[in-house]
Amino acid sequence: MNRSEDTATEEVEHANTFGSLPLLKSERVWGGLDFGWVNVALAIATWAFLVGGSTAAFVGFQQGIAAMMIGNAVGLCFMVLASTVASQRYGVEQYTILRPVFGVAGVGILVFTVVLLTEMGWSSLLGIMVGRATSQVAGVATGAELSEYGPVVTLGALAAIAIAWFILSRGPVTIGRLNKYIGPGLLIITAVLMVLLIINTSWGQLMAAAPLEPFDDPQLNFMIAVEFNVAVGVSWYPVMGSLARMTNSPRAAIWPAYGGLLIATLLAQIVGMGAALTLGNSDPTVWMIPFGGPLLGAFILLFICFANITSMSSIVYSTVLALRQSSGRLLAGLHWKWLCAAFFVLPAVLAFFPQFMYERFVVFVTLSGAFLAAMCGAIIVDYFILRKQRIDLAELYAPGKDSAYHLPGGVNWAGLAAVAAGSGFYLWIYNPVTLDTEPAFNVVTASLPGAVIGGAVYWILALVLYKRRGAAGFAITESNGSKGNHR
């Protein structure tokens, strides 16, 4: 093979890795263990300990464990079904495979609103957590009293963003290699923190510890804690499908995505909740050093902060893929590393206002969950029920009106209406900003009915508007012997 052929091969591999084409089975580089470590590294970062601490604001230790188990199990179920199954099966970036559900333009609308703002918010939070941890360690090292939202926090957040950008510019293979070391290290550190929790706190103290900021209604406190953790589980949706397409089998994608995230997240959350209840502070960047001691605590905090950076890289990888695939020709010619740099502009700006994002963590997570749960409901109904898991890749990638999935204006109105209806019902039954609720919330939460209503609205409107006429690619599903195309 000559030099020009080598270059052409590299360009095709680069295009496939960064989402332009479906991945061939030979190009899927992650086995179950690889993907498992990616998910462990995603799950165990300072944000996971913060979720546990935030849960402790509403409920005690025993109810908190129940709320986190129920919430994460339900949220991850929605997320995995909506994201990993189709992307892994067809090797297609998850926002490309959403074209039949929302239309080409409809996917763009959701990507440039819900997904972009959600992932920019998470990137900002992860960076600020690194900055706050840096400030805590610097304070211990120098003996100085540093402001919890001072310039050291901003500088640390900006440094985290810069490192994440460098890792991201190297592509998903580099992310996977790093997580082979980060993932096991995080499991060891979490085990150490659990031992410290047991040594420093008796079981009786944990059981007797009161919630930090509860409401007067115990049932309401428990359901808010459950709903918060459902939103945490669903919040993985924007990134998981595009990562799962790198796996080499359905088993390597589905079980690490669900089990890896569930177990690793719960371990970190339980430690965070126990520390918050006993030390009276939900912020792991504050309690980690007093909890583990100056040397061990500082080392643990720094290691977990590096996990924040790899988590940020994984998040932004999937989101930038979505932006490129949903922008048509607008961003197609922009080099990958500069597109990634453009994504980090807003998180870098927010690093100068760390208090704004950090103190609105619960509101941000649950508000984004309102829209993601409704999206998941519509996607699950479309792929599993209406299309019977059949996608024609040739038609999916065919341009414009040449595609069987083409719709006038590029919008599947059933999909957008489903998201509007599901998220609207969520925000009616539970307002994450004011924490006002309707009575039904104490029984069914908000995410569950939001996802169900989103799915039901999609089912009805898709049947009426498209399926009966064989539009939006439904003729492919109904054709005799059509099994979908694989690569």
Protein backbone atom coordinates (compact mmCIF):
# COMPACT_ATOMS: atom_id res chain seq x y z
CA MET A 1 0.00 0.00 0.00
CA ASN A 2 1.45 3.38 -0.99
CA ARG A 3 1.45 6.61 1.00
CA SER A 4 -1.74 7.99 -0.57
CA GLU A 5 -3.59 4.74 0.18
CA ASP A 6 -2.36 4.85 3.78
CA THR A 7 -3.65 8.41 4.11
CA ALA A 8 -7.03 7.48 2.63
CA THR A 9 -7.36 4.57 5.06
CA GLU A 10 -6.52 6.82 8.02
CA GLU A 11 -9.12 9.35 6.88
CA VAL A 12 -11.83 6.68 6.69
CA GLU A 13 -10.91 5.33 10.14
CA HIS A 14 -10.95 8.86 11.53
CA ALA A 15 -14.35 9.53 9.97
CA ASN A 16 -15.77 6.32 11.44
CA THR A 17 -14.33 6.94 14.91
CA PHE A 18 -15.72 10.44 15.03
CA GLY A 19 -19.21 9.51 13.91
CA SER A 20 -19.49 10.19 10.18
CA LEU A 21 -20.21 6.56 9.26
CA PRO A 22 -21.53 3.43 10.98
CA LEU A 23 -18.73 1.44 12.58
CA LEU A 24 -17.84 -1.93 11.10
CA LYS A 25 -17.67 -4.75 13.63
CA SER A 26 -13.90 -4.85 13.16
CA GLU A 27 -13.71 -1.17 14.16
CA ARG A 28 -15.47 -1.61 17.50
CA VAL A 29 -12.54 -1.58 19.89
CA TRP A 30 -14.14 -2.00 23.34
CA GLY A 31 -15.01 -5.29 24.98
CA GLY A 32 -17.27 -5.54 28.02
CA LEU A 33 -14.42 -4.94 30.46
CA ASP A 34 -13.20 -1.88 28.53
CA PHE A 35 -16.66 -0.36 28.47
CA GLY A 36 -17.17 -1.31 32.08
CA TRP A 37 -14.13 0.72 33.14
CA VAL A 38 -15.34 3.63 31.04
CA ASN A 39 -18.62 3.56 32.95
CA VAL A 40 -16.96 3.16 36.33
CA ALA A 41 -14.76 6.17 35.60
CA LEU A 42 -17.85 8.11 34.52
CA ALA A 43 -19.84 7.08 37.58
CA ILE A 44 -17.30 7.57 40.39
CA ALA A 45 -16.32 11.20 40.30
CA THR A 46 -16.89 14.02 42.77
CA TRP A 47 -20.36 14.61 41.30
CA ALA A 48 -21.44 11.11 42.45
CA PHE A 49 -20.42 11.87 46.03
CA LEU A 50 -22.25 15.19 45.68
CA VAL A 51 -25.41 13.35 44.57
CA GLY A 52 -25.23 11.29 47.77
CA GLY A 53 -24.74 14.42 49.83
CA SER A 54 -27.61 16.18 48.08
CA THR A 55 -29.87 13.18 48.76
CA ALA A 56 -28.99 13.57 52.45
CA ALA A 57 -30.59 17.01 52.37
CA PHE A 58 -34.02 15.36 52.20
CA VAL A 59 -33.77 11.92 53.86
CA GLY A 60 -31.74 9.95 56.38
CA PHE A 61 -29.33 7.10 55.68
CA GLN A 62 -31.75 4.18 55.39
CA GLN A 63 -34.33 5.99 53.26
CA GLY A 64 -31.52 7.55 51.25
CA ILE A 65 -30.15 4.15 50.22
CA ALA A 66 -33.65 3.08 49.16
CA ALA A 67 -34.22 6.31 47.22
CA MET A 68 -30.87 6.04 45.42
CA MET A 69 -31.39 2.38 44.52
CA ILE A 70 -34.92 2.91 43.21
CA GLY A 71 -34.15 6.16 41.42
CA ASN A 72 -30.97 5.03 39.69
CA ALA A 73 -32.45 1.65 38.71
CA VAL A 74 -35.46 3.28 37.05
CA GLY A 75 -33.55 6.12 35.41
CA LEU A 76 -30.81 3.85 34.05
CA CYS A 77 -33.43 1.47 32.64
CA PHE A 78 -34.95 4.29 30.57
CA MET A 79 -31.50 5.49 29.54
CA VAL A 80 -30.05 2.14 28.47
CA LEU A 81 -33.08 1.11 26.42
CA ALA A 82 -33.20 4.49 24.69
CA SER A 83 -29.50 4.89 23.95
CA THR A 84 -27.27 1.83 23.95
CA VAL A 85 -29.29 -0.91 22.23
CA ALA A 86 -29.76 0.64 18.79
CA SER A 87 -26.40 2.40 18.63
CA GLN A 88 -24.52 -0.77 19.53
CA ARG A 89 -26.49 -2.97 17.15
CA TYR A 90 -25.98 -0.75 14.13
CA GLY A 91 -22.71 0.96 15.09
CA VAL A 92 -24.37 4.32 14.53
CA GLU A 93 -23.83 7.47 16.57
CA GLN A 94 -26.95 7.87 18.70
CA TYR A 95 -28.15 11.19 17.31
CA THR A 96 -27.90 9.93 13.74
CA ILE A 97 -30.09 6.97 14.62
CA LEU A 98 -32.65 9.38 16.12
CA ARG A 99 -33.48 10.82 12.69
CA PRO A 100 -36.50 8.54 12.25
CA VAL A 101 -37.85 9.55 15.69
CA PHE A 102 -37.53 13.32 15.45
CA GLY A 103 -36.50 14.05 11.85
CA VAL A 104 -33.17 15.49 10.78
CA ALA A 105 -34.15 19.05 11.75
CA GLY A 106 -35.96 17.83 14.86
CA VAL A 107 -32.82 16.10 16.13
CA GLY A 108 -30.93 19.34 15.50
CA ILE A 109 -33.49 21.28 17.55
CA LEU A 110 -33.12 18.92 20.52
CA VAL A 111 -29.33 18.67 20.22
CA PHE A 112 -28.80 22.43 20.09
CA THR A 113 -31.18 23.05 23.02
CA VAL A 114 -31.77 20.23 25.52
CA VAL A 115 -28.62 18.19 24.90
CA LEU A 116 -26.20 21.07 24.41
CA LEU A 117 -27.33 22.99 27.51
CA THR A 118 -27.42 19.82 29.62
CA GLU A 119 -23.90 18.73 28.70
CA MET A 120 -22.45 22.23 28.91
CA GLY A 121 -23.96 22.41 32.39
CA TRP A 122 -22.40 19.08 33.40
CA SER A 123 -19.03 20.09 31.96
CA SER A 124 -19.18 23.34 33.90
CA LEU A 125 -20.06 21.54 37.14
CA LEU A 126 -17.30 18.96 36.73
CA GLY A 127 -14.75 21.68 36.05
CA ILE A 128 -15.87 23.72 39.05
CA MET A 129 -15.66 20.62 41.26
CA VAL A 130 -12.05 20.18 40.16
CA GLY A 131 -11.45 23.85 40.94
CA ARG A 132 -12.96 23.57 44.41
CA ALA A 133 -10.91 20.44 45.10
CA THR A 134 -7.77 22.23 43.93
CA SER A 135 -8.56 25.09 46.28
CA GLN A 136 -9.04 22.71 49.23
CA VAL A 137 -5.75 20.91 48.58
CA ALA A 138 -3.92 24.20 48.09
CA GLY A 139 -5.32 25.43 51.39
CA VAL A 140 -4.04 22.34 53.21
CA ALA A 141 -0.62 22.58 51.53
CA THR A 142 -0.12 26.30 52.27
CA GLY A 143 -2.13 26.66 55.47
CA ALA A 144 -3.98 29.57 53.88
CA GLU A 145 -7.71 30.27 54.17
CA LEU A 146 -8.92 30.23 50.55
CA SER A 147 -12.35 31.35 49.44
CA GLU A 148 -14.68 28.52 48.44
CA TYR A 149 -15.49 30.39 45.22
CA GLY A 150 -12.27 32.38 44.82
CA PRO A 151 -9.77 32.72 41.95
CA VAL A 152 -8.07 29.39 42.73
CA VAL A 153 -11.40 27.65 41.98
CA THR A 154 -11.65 29.43 38.64
CA LEU A 155 -8.06 28.63 37.71
CA GLY A 156 -8.53 24.97 38.66
CA ALA A 157 -11.71 24.75 36.60
CA LEU A 158 -10.01 26.31 33.57
CA ALA A 159 -7.07 23.90 33.92
CA ALA A 160 -9.50 20.96 34.07
CA ILE A 161 -11.22 22.17 30.90
CA ALA A 162 -7.88 22.53 29.11
CA ILE A 163 -6.77 19.00 30.08
CA ALA A 164 -10.16 17.55 29.09
CA TRP A 165 -9.88 19.28 25.72
CA PHE A 166 -6.43 17.76 25.15
CA ILE A 167 -7.65 14.25 26.02
CA LEU A 168 -10.75 14.72 23.90
CA SER A 169 -8.77 15.87 20.89
CA ARG A 170 -7.06 12.46 20.90
CA GLY A 171 -10.37 10.63 20.41
CA PRO A 172 -12.33 7.88 22.23
CA VAL A 173 -9.53 5.31 22.11
CA THR A 174 -7.40 7.53 24.38
CA ILE A 175 -10.38 7.99 26.71
CA GLY A 176 -10.79 4.21 26.92
CA ARG A 177 -7.09 3.65 27.63
CA LEU A 178 -7.07 6.17 30.46
CA ASN A 179 -10.18 4.65 32.01
CA LYS A 180 -8.48 1.25 32.23
CA TYR A 181 -6.40 2.82 35.00
CA ILE A 182 -8.85 5.39 36.34
CA GLY A 183 -11.73 2.90 36.76
CA PRO A 184 -9.94 0.36 38.98
CA GLY A 185 -8.32 3.17 40.96
CA LEU A 186 -11.71 4.72 41.66
CA LEU A 187 -13.13 1.41 42.88
CA ILE A 188 -10.19 1.05 45.29
CA ILE A 189 -10.59 4.62 46.52
CA THR A 190 -14.34 4.17 47.05
CA ALA A 191 -13.65 1.00 49.04
CA VAL A 192 -11.14 2.93 51.17
CA LEU A 193 -13.69 5.68 51.79
CA MET A 194 -16.29 3.09 52.80
CA VAL A 195 -13.84 1.63 55.31
CA LEU A 196 -13.18 5.11 56.68
CA LEU A 197 -16.92 5.71 56.95
CA ILE A 198 -17.33 2.48 58.95
CA ILE A 199 -14.32 3.27 61.18
CA ASN A 200 -15.24 6.90 61.85
CA THR A 201 -18.99 6.41 62.27
CA SER A 202 -21.03 3.83 64.10
CA TRP A 203 -24.06 2.22 62.49
CA GLY A 204 -26.21 3.77 65.20
CA GLN A 205 -24.95 7.25 64.33
CA LEU A 206 -25.74 6.75 60.66
CA MET A 207 -29.24 5.48 61.41
CA ALA A 208 -29.94 8.34 63.82
CA ALA A 209 -28.50 11.12 61.65
CA ALA A 210 -31.17 13.60 60.60
CA PRO A 211 -31.53 14.92 57.02
CA LEU A 212 -29.76 18.22 56.44
CA GLU A 213 -32.60 20.34 54.98
CA PRO A 214 -35.85 18.32 54.94
CA PHE A 215 -39.44 19.47 54.41
CA ASP A 216 -42.12 18.75 57.00
CA ASP A 217 -43.67 15.93 54.94
CA PRO A 218 -41.57 12.70 55.17
CA GLN A 219 -43.25 11.14 52.12
CA LEU A 220 -42.52 14.24 50.05
CA ASN A 221 -38.87 14.18 51.16
CA PHE A 222 -38.52 10.56 50.09
CA MET A 223 -40.15 11.10 46.69
CA ILE A 224 -38.02 14.17 45.95
CA ALA A 225 -34.95 12.07 46.77
CA VAL A 226 -36.19 9.29 44.45
CA GLU A 227 -36.98 11.74 41.66
CA PHE A 228 -33.58 13.40 41.97
CA ASN A 229 -31.87 10.03 41.56
CA VAL A 230 -34.09 9.04 38.62
CA ALA A 231 -32.93 12.25 36.95
CA VAL A 232 -29.32 11.29 37.72
CA GLY A 233 -29.83 7.93 35.98
CA VAL A 234 -31.54 9.47 32.95
CA SER A 235 -28.84 12.16 32.70
CA TRP A 236 -26.48 9.59 31.14
CA TYR A 237 -28.62 9.53 28.00
CA PRO A 238 -26.79 12.22 25.97
CA VAL A 239 -23.48 10.33 26.09
CA MET A 240 -24.08 6.62 26.42
CA GLY A 241 -25.20 5.61 22.93
CA SER A 242 -22.26 7.20 21.17
CA LEU A 243 -19.90 5.45 23.57
CA ALA A 244 -21.74 2.10 23.29
CA ARG A 245 -21.25 2.05 19.52
CA MET A 246 -17.56 1.41 20.24
CA THR A 247 -18.38 -1.96 21.89
CA ASN A 248 -18.08 -5.28 20.06
CA SER A 249 -21.27 -7.02 21.24
CA PRO A 250 -24.69 -6.24 22.77
CA ARG A 251 -23.63 -7.88 26.03
CA ALA A 252 -20.50 -5.71 26.12
CA ALA A 253 -22.68 -2.61 25.82
CA ILE A 254 -25.86 -3.21 27.81
CA TRP A 255 -24.64 -4.83 31.02
CA PRO A 256 -21.64 -2.53 31.63
CA ALA A 257 -23.84 0.48 30.87
CA TYR A 258 -26.55 -0.57 33.33
CA GLY A 259 -24.72 -2.60 35.95
CA GLY A 260 -21.48 -0.65 35.85
CA LEU A 261 -23.16 2.70 36.28
CA LEU A 262 -25.67 1.41 38.86
CA ILE A 263 -23.20 -0.34 41.16
CA ALA A 264 -20.38 2.21 40.91
CA THR A 265 -22.72 5.17 41.28
CA LEU A 266 -24.46 3.68 44.32
CA LEU A 267 -21.16 2.93 46.06
CA ALA A 268 -19.97 6.51 45.68
CA GLN A 269 -23.37 7.97 46.55
CA ILE A 270 -23.66 5.93 49.75
CA VAL A 271 -20.25 7.18 50.90
CA GLY A 272 -21.20 10.74 50.01
CA MET A 273 -24.50 10.48 51.86
CA GLY A 274 -22.94 8.93 54.95
CA ALA A 275 -20.23 11.58 55.11
CA ALA A 276 -22.76 14.39 54.60
CA LEU A 277 -25.06 13.11 57.36
CA THR A 278 -22.25 12.69 59.89
CA LEU A 279 -20.18 15.77 59.01
CA GLY A 280 -23.11 18.07 58.19
CA ASN A 281 -21.90 19.08 54.72
CA SER A 282 -23.03 17.65 51.38
CA ASP A 283 -20.00 18.88 49.39
CA PRO A 284 -17.28 16.22 48.90
CA THR A 285 -14.68 18.87 48.09
CA VAL A 286 -15.23 20.14 51.63
CA TRP A 287 -15.51 16.92 53.65
CA MET A 288 -13.05 14.68 51.75
CA ILE A 289 -9.88 16.01 53.44
CA PRO A 290 -11.29 16.09 57.03
CA PHE A 291 -12.75 12.64 56.35
CA GLY A 292 -9.53 11.01 55.10
CA GLY A 293 -6.93 13.17 56.80
CA PRO A 294 -4.63 15.80 55.24
CA LEU A 295 -2.44 13.45 53.19
CA LEU A 296 -4.79 10.60 52.27
CA GLY A 297 -7.75 12.92 51.88
CA ALA A 298 -5.84 15.25 49.57
CA PHE A 299 -4.55 12.34 47.46
CA ILE A 300 -8.05 10.84 47.13
CA LEU A 301 -9.52 14.20 46.23
CA LEU A 302 -6.92 14.83 43.52
CA PHE A 303 -7.35 11.36 42.03
CA ILE A 304 -11.12 11.71 41.91
CA CYS A 305 -10.70 15.11 40.32
CA PHE A 306 -8.72 13.56 37.49
CA ALA A 307 -11.66 11.18 37.07
CA ASN A 308 -13.83 14.29 36.71
CA ILE A 309 -11.64 15.32 33.80
CA THR A 310 -11.94 11.95 32.02
CA SER A 311 -15.70 12.04 32.67
CA MET A 312 -15.83 15.46 31.10
CA SER A 313 -13.93 14.16 28.07
CA SER A 314 -16.41 11.30 27.59
CA ILE A 315 -19.39 13.64 27.94
CA VAL A 316 -18.08 16.15 25.46
CA TYR A 317 -17.02 13.47 22.96
CA SER A 318 -20.63 12.31 22.55
CA THR A 319 -22.02 15.83 22.56
CA VAL A 320 -19.64 17.18 19.95
CA LEU A 321 -20.44 14.17 17.77
CA ALA A 322 -24.10 15.12 18.12
CA LEU A 323 -23.41 18.74 17.20
CA ARG A 324 -21.45 17.74 14.11
CA GLN A 325 -24.01 15.19 12.92
CA SER A 326 -26.97 17.50 13.58
CA SER A 327 -25.58 20.65 11.98
CA GLY A 328 -25.67 19.50 8.36
CA ARG A 329 -22.86 21.20 6.50
CA LEU A 330 -22.49 24.00 9.03
CA LEU A 331 -19.88 22.27 11.24
CA ALA A 332 -18.84 19.43 8.94
CA GLY A 333 -15.67 21.17 7.77
CA LEU A 334 -14.54 22.33 11.22
CA HIS A 335 -11.62 20.29 12.59
CA TRP A 336 -12.50 18.04 15.50
CA LYS A 337 -10.21 19.73 18.05
CA TRP A 338 -11.51 23.21 17.24
CA LEU A 339 -15.11 22.04 17.44
CA CYS A 340 -14.32 20.64 20.89
CA ALA A 341 -12.68 23.91 21.86
CA ALA A 342 -15.80 25.82 20.78
CA PHE A 343 -17.93 23.59 23.02
CA PHE A 344 -15.83 24.51 26.06
CA VAL A 345 -16.29 28.28 25.63
CA LEU A 346 -19.44 28.52 27.79
CA PRO A 347 -18.15 26.17 30.54
CA ALA A 348 -14.96 28.27 30.61
CA VAL A 349 -17.02 31.45 31.02
CA LEU A 350 -19.08 29.83 33.80
CA ALA A 351 -15.82 28.97 35.58
CA PHE A 352 -15.62 32.67 36.47
CA PHE A 353 -19.00 32.37 38.22
CA PRO A 354 -18.61 29.07 40.11
CA GLN A 355 -21.26 29.78 42.73
CA PHE A 356 -23.98 30.22 40.08
CA MET A 357 -23.82 26.58 38.88
CA TYR A 358 -22.60 24.83 42.00
CA GLU A 359 -25.39 25.93 44.30
CA ARG A 360 -28.04 24.97 41.74
CA PHE A 361 -26.90 21.37 41.32
CA VAL A 362 -30.18 19.67 42.31
CA VAL A 363 -32.26 22.09 40.25
CA PHE A 364 -30.06 21.61 37.20
CA VAL A 365 -30.13 17.79 37.36
CA THR A 366 -33.88 17.47 37.87
CA LEU A 367 -34.75 20.15 35.31
CA SER A 368 -32.68 18.45 32.61
CA GLY A 369 -34.25 15.13 33.64
CA ALA A 370 -37.69 16.48 32.77
CA PHE A 371 -36.80 16.69 29.08
CA LEU A 372 -34.54 13.63 28.90
CA ALA A 373 -37.16 11.32 30.45
CA ALA A 374 -39.74 12.39 27.86
CA MET A 375 -37.20 11.90 25.05
CA CYS A 376 -36.41 8.40 26.31
CA GLY A 377 -40.11 7.48 26.38
CA ALA A 378 -40.60 8.50 22.74
CA ILE A 379 -37.38 6.78 21.58
CA ILE A 380 -38.22 3.47 23.32
CA VAL A 381 -41.69 3.34 21.77
CA ASP A 382 -40.37 4.19 18.31
CA TYR A 383 -37.51 1.67 18.23
CA PHE A 384 -38.88 -1.29 20.16
CA ILE A 385 -42.62 -1.12 19.47
CA LEU A 386 -43.27 0.69 16.19
CA ARG A 387 -40.09 -0.12 14.24
CA LYS A 388 -39.49 -3.52 15.87
CA GLN A 389 -35.74 -2.77 16.13
CA ARG A 390 -35.37 -2.48 12.35
CA ILE A 391 -33.36 0.37 10.83
CA ASP A 392 -32.21 0.54 7.20
CA LEU A 393 -28.75 2.11 7.24
CA ALA A 394 -28.72 2.92 3.54
CA GLU A 395 -31.93 4.91 3.94
CA LEU A 396 -30.73 6.44 7.21
CA TYR A 397 -27.70 7.97 5.49
CA ALA A 398 -29.40 8.78 2.18
CA PRO A 399 -29.47 12.57 1.62
CA GLY A 400 -32.65 14.64 1.84
CA LYS A 401 -35.68 13.40 -0.06
CA ASP A 402 -33.78 10.33 -1.25
CA SER A 403 -34.17 8.86 2.25
CA ALA A 404 -37.23 6.82 3.21
CA TYR A 405 -36.97 8.53 6.61
CA HIS A 406 -37.31 11.99 5.09
CA LEU A 407 -40.12 14.21 6.35
CA PRO A 408 -41.31 17.62 5.13
CA GLY A 409 -39.24 20.28 6.87
CA GLY A 410 -37.08 17.55 8.40
CA VAL A 411 -39.29 17.33 11.49
CA ASN A 412 -41.16 14.36 12.96
CA TRP A 413 -43.87 16.27 14.76
CA ALA A 414 -44.92 13.22 16.74
CA GLY A 415 -41.46 13.14 18.36
CA LEU A 416 -41.30 16.82 19.27
CA ALA A 417 -44.90 16.79 20.54
CA ALA A 418 -44.04 13.78 22.72
CA VAL A 419 -41.10 15.61 24.31
CA ALA A 420 -43.24 18.70 24.89
CA ALA A 421 -46.10 16.69 26.42
CA GLY A 422 -43.91 14.49 28.63
CA SER A 423 -41.70 17.29 29.94
CA GLY A 424 -44.70 19.59 30.36
CA PHE A 425 -46.45 17.01 32.53
CA TYR A 426 -43.24 16.51 34.52
CA LEU A 427 -42.93 20.22 35.25
CA TRP A 428 -46.61 20.41 36.19
CA ILE A 429 -46.48 17.53 38.66
CA TYR A 430 -43.09 18.62 40.06
CA ASN A 431 -41.42 22.03 39.75
CA PRO A 432 -37.66 21.57 40.36
CA VAL A 433 -37.14 25.30 40.93
CA THR A 434 -39.81 25.91 43.58
CA LEU A 435 -40.12 22.24 44.65
CA ASP A 436 -43.91 22.60 44.42
CA THR A 437 -45.65 19.28 43.70
CA GLU A 438 -49.06 17.85 42.85
CA PRO A 439 -50.47 15.08 45.10
CA ALA A 440 -49.82 12.42 42.44
CA PHE A 441 -46.10 13.09 42.70
CA ASN A 442 -45.99 11.33 46.09
CA VAL A 443 -47.10 8.12 44.36
CA VAL A 444 -45.62 8.06 40.83
CA THR A 445 -42.81 10.66 40.92
CA ALA A 446 -42.46 12.87 37.83
CA SER A 447 -40.02 11.06 35.53
CA LEU A 448 -42.04 7.85 35.28
CA PRO A 449 -45.27 9.51 34.10
CA GLY A 450 -43.24 11.97 32.01
CA ALA A 451 -41.61 9.10 30.12
CA VAL A 452 -44.88 7.15 29.82
CA ILE A 453 -46.80 10.16 28.55
CA GLY A 454 -44.00 11.00 26.11
CA GLY A 455 -44.10 7.44 24.80
CA ALA A 456 -47.91 7.32 24.60
CA VAL A 457 -48.17 10.64 22.76
CA TYR A 458 -45.52 9.50 20.30
CA TRP A 459 -47.25 6.16 19.74
CA ILE A 460 -50.63 7.78 18.97
CA LEU A 461 -49.34 10.63 16.80
CA ALA A 462 -46.86 8.44 14.90
CA LEU A 463 -49.65 6.00 14.05
CA VAL A 464 -52.00 8.76 12.93
CA LEU A 465 -49.51 10.98 11.09
CA TYR A 466 -46.98 8.56 9.63
CA LYS A 467 -47.26 4.81 10.18
CA ARG A 468 -50.63 4.30 8.48
CA ARG A 469 -49.29 6.08 5.41
CA GLY A 470 -45.94 4.29 5.47
CA ALA A 471 -44.17 7.63 5.92
CA ALA A 472 -41.12 8.37 8.14
CA GLY A 473 -39.58 5.04 7.15
CA PHE A 474 -42.40 2.92 8.57
CA ALA A 475 -42.86 1.25 5.18
CA ILE A 476 -39.44 -0.36 5.73
CA THR A 477 -40.61 -1.91 9.00
CA GLU A 478 -43.76 -3.30 7.39
CA SER A 479 -42.08 -4.68 4.28
CA ASN A 480 -41.87 -8.46 4.11
CA GLY A 481 -38.53 -9.96 5.13
CA SER A 482 -36.94 -6.64 6.09
CA LYS A 483 -34.57 -7.18 8.99
CA GLY A 484 -32.61 -3.92 8.87
CA ASN A 485 -29.07 -3.56 7.61
CA HIS A 486 -25.95 -4.30 9.64
CA ARG A 487 -22.34 -3.28 9.27
